[in-house]
Amino acid sequence: MSLSQIRSENGPAGIVYFVGFENNCGEFTDDTQMILFIAEAQKTKYRRPGQAKSFY
């Protein structure tokens, strides 16, 4: 989906809230899980020594 399509469907700011599907549920896919895993790994990589770990 292009940026112009996203803006046309969701307004000029783009997606700013959770977008539901036809059954009023969102979709949590394996891609979503990978993004969360990568974000956690990046955050952990740059934490300071002695700083507590956080997991979702």
C-alpha atoms as a PDB file:
ATOM      1  CA  MET A   1       0.000   0.000   0.000  1.00  0.00           C
ATOM      2  CA  SER A   2       1.434   3.363  -0.938  1.00  0.00           C
ATOM      3  CA  LEU A   3       1.660   6.372   1.379  1.00  0.00           C
ATOM      4  CA  SER A   4      -0.954   8.208  -0.693  1.00  0.00           C
ATOM      5  CA  GLN A   5      -3.360   5.252  -0.334  1.00  0.00           C
ATOM      6  CA  ILE A   6      -2.780   5.156   3.424  1.00  0.00           C
ATOM      7  CA  ARG A   7      -3.434   8.904   3.693  1.00  0.00           C
ATOM      8  CA  SER A   8      -6.520   8.664   1.498  1.00  0.00           C
ATOM      9  CA  GLU A   9      -8.016   5.946   3.737  1.00  0.00           C
ATOM     10  CA  ASN A  10      -6.823   7.296   7.126  1.00  0.00           C
ATOM     11  CA  GLY A  11      -6.402  11.055   6.698  1.00  0.00           C
ATOM     12  CA  PRO A  12      -3.320  13.256   6.228  1.00  0.00           C
ATOM     13  CA  ALA A  13      -1.583  12.011   9.405  1.00  0.00           C
ATOM     14  CA  GLY A  14      -1.771   8.409   8.197  1.00  0.00           C
ATOM     15  CA  ILE A  15      -2.461   5.573  10.610  1.00  0.00           C
ATOM     16  CA  VAL A  16      -2.651   7.031  14.115  1.00  0.00           C
ATOM     17  CA  TYR A  17      -4.793   4.391  15.817  1.00  0.00           C
ATOM     18  CA  PHE A  18      -5.431   0.661  15.686  1.00  0.00           C
ATOM     19  CA  VAL A  19      -7.094  -0.307  12.396  1.00  0.00           C
ATOM     20  CA  GLY A  20      -9.699  -3.049  12.733  1.00  0.00           C
ATOM     21  CA  PHE A  21     -10.763  -5.621  10.164  1.00  0.00           C
ATOM     22  CA  GLU A  22     -14.236  -6.728   9.057  1.00  0.00           C
ATOM     23  CA  ASN A  23     -14.890  -8.639  12.297  1.00  0.00           C
ATOM     24  CA  ASN A  24     -13.864  -5.596  14.411  1.00  0.00           C
ATOM     25  CA  CYS A  25     -10.674  -7.352  15.462  1.00  0.00           C
ATOM     26  CA  GLY A  26      -7.146  -6.393  14.628  1.00  0.00           C
ATOM     27  CA  GLU A  27      -4.695  -8.788  13.148  1.00  0.00           C
ATOM     28  CA  PHE A  28      -1.646  -9.961  15.104  1.00  0.00           C
ATOM     29  CA  THR A  29       0.459 -11.878  12.597  1.00  0.00           C
ATOM     30  CA  ASP A  30       3.883 -13.465  12.582  1.00  0.00           C
ATOM     31  CA  ASP A  31       5.143 -10.214  10.997  1.00  0.00           C
ATOM     32  CA  THR A  32       3.835  -8.306  14.014  1.00  0.00           C
ATOM     33  CA  GLN A  33       5.622 -10.710  16.341  1.00  0.00           C
ATOM     34  CA  MET A  34       8.902 -10.327  14.428  1.00  0.00           C
ATOM     35  CA  ILE A  35       8.723  -6.517  14.604  1.00  0.00           C
ATOM     36  CA  LEU A  36       8.155  -6.672  18.375  1.00  0.00           C
ATOM     37  CA  PHE A  37      11.024  -9.145  18.780  1.00  0.00           C
ATOM     38  CA  ILE A  38      13.398  -6.964  16.726  1.00  0.00           C
ATOM     39  CA  ALA A  39      12.361  -3.823  18.626  1.00  0.00           C
ATOM     40  CA  GLU A  40      13.003  -5.569  21.960  1.00  0.00           C
ATOM     41  CA  ALA A  41      16.389  -6.834  20.744  1.00  0.00           C
ATOM     42  CA  GLN A  42      17.419  -3.360  19.596  1.00  0.00           C
ATOM     43  CA  LYS A  43      16.293  -1.820  22.877  1.00  0.00           C
ATOM     44  CA  THR A  44      18.180  -4.479  24.860  1.00  0.00           C
ATOM     45  CA  LYS A  45      21.306  -4.046  22.733  1.00  0.00           C
ATOM     46  CA  TYR A  46      21.624  -0.387  23.685  1.00  0.00           C
ATOM     47  CA  ARG A  47      20.616  -0.496  27.350  1.00  0.00           C
ATOM     48  CA  ARG A  48      23.069   0.626  29.973  1.00  0.00           C
ATOM     49  CA  PRO A  49      24.878  -1.897  32.201  1.00  0.00           C
ATOM     50  CA  GLY A  50      22.836  -2.632  35.302  1.00  0.00           C
ATOM     51  CA  GLN A  51      19.602  -1.444  33.722  1.00  0.00           C
ATOM     52  CA  ALA A  52      16.720  -3.893  34.176  1.00  0.00           C
ATOM     53  CA  LYS A  53      15.504  -5.965  31.249  1.00  0.00           C
ATOM     54  CA  SER A  54      11.967  -5.479  30.008  1.00  0.00           C
ATOM     55  CA  PHE A  55       9.878  -7.958  28.104  1.00  0.00           C
ATOM     56  CA  TYR A  56       6.408  -7.558  26.630  1.00  0.00           C
END
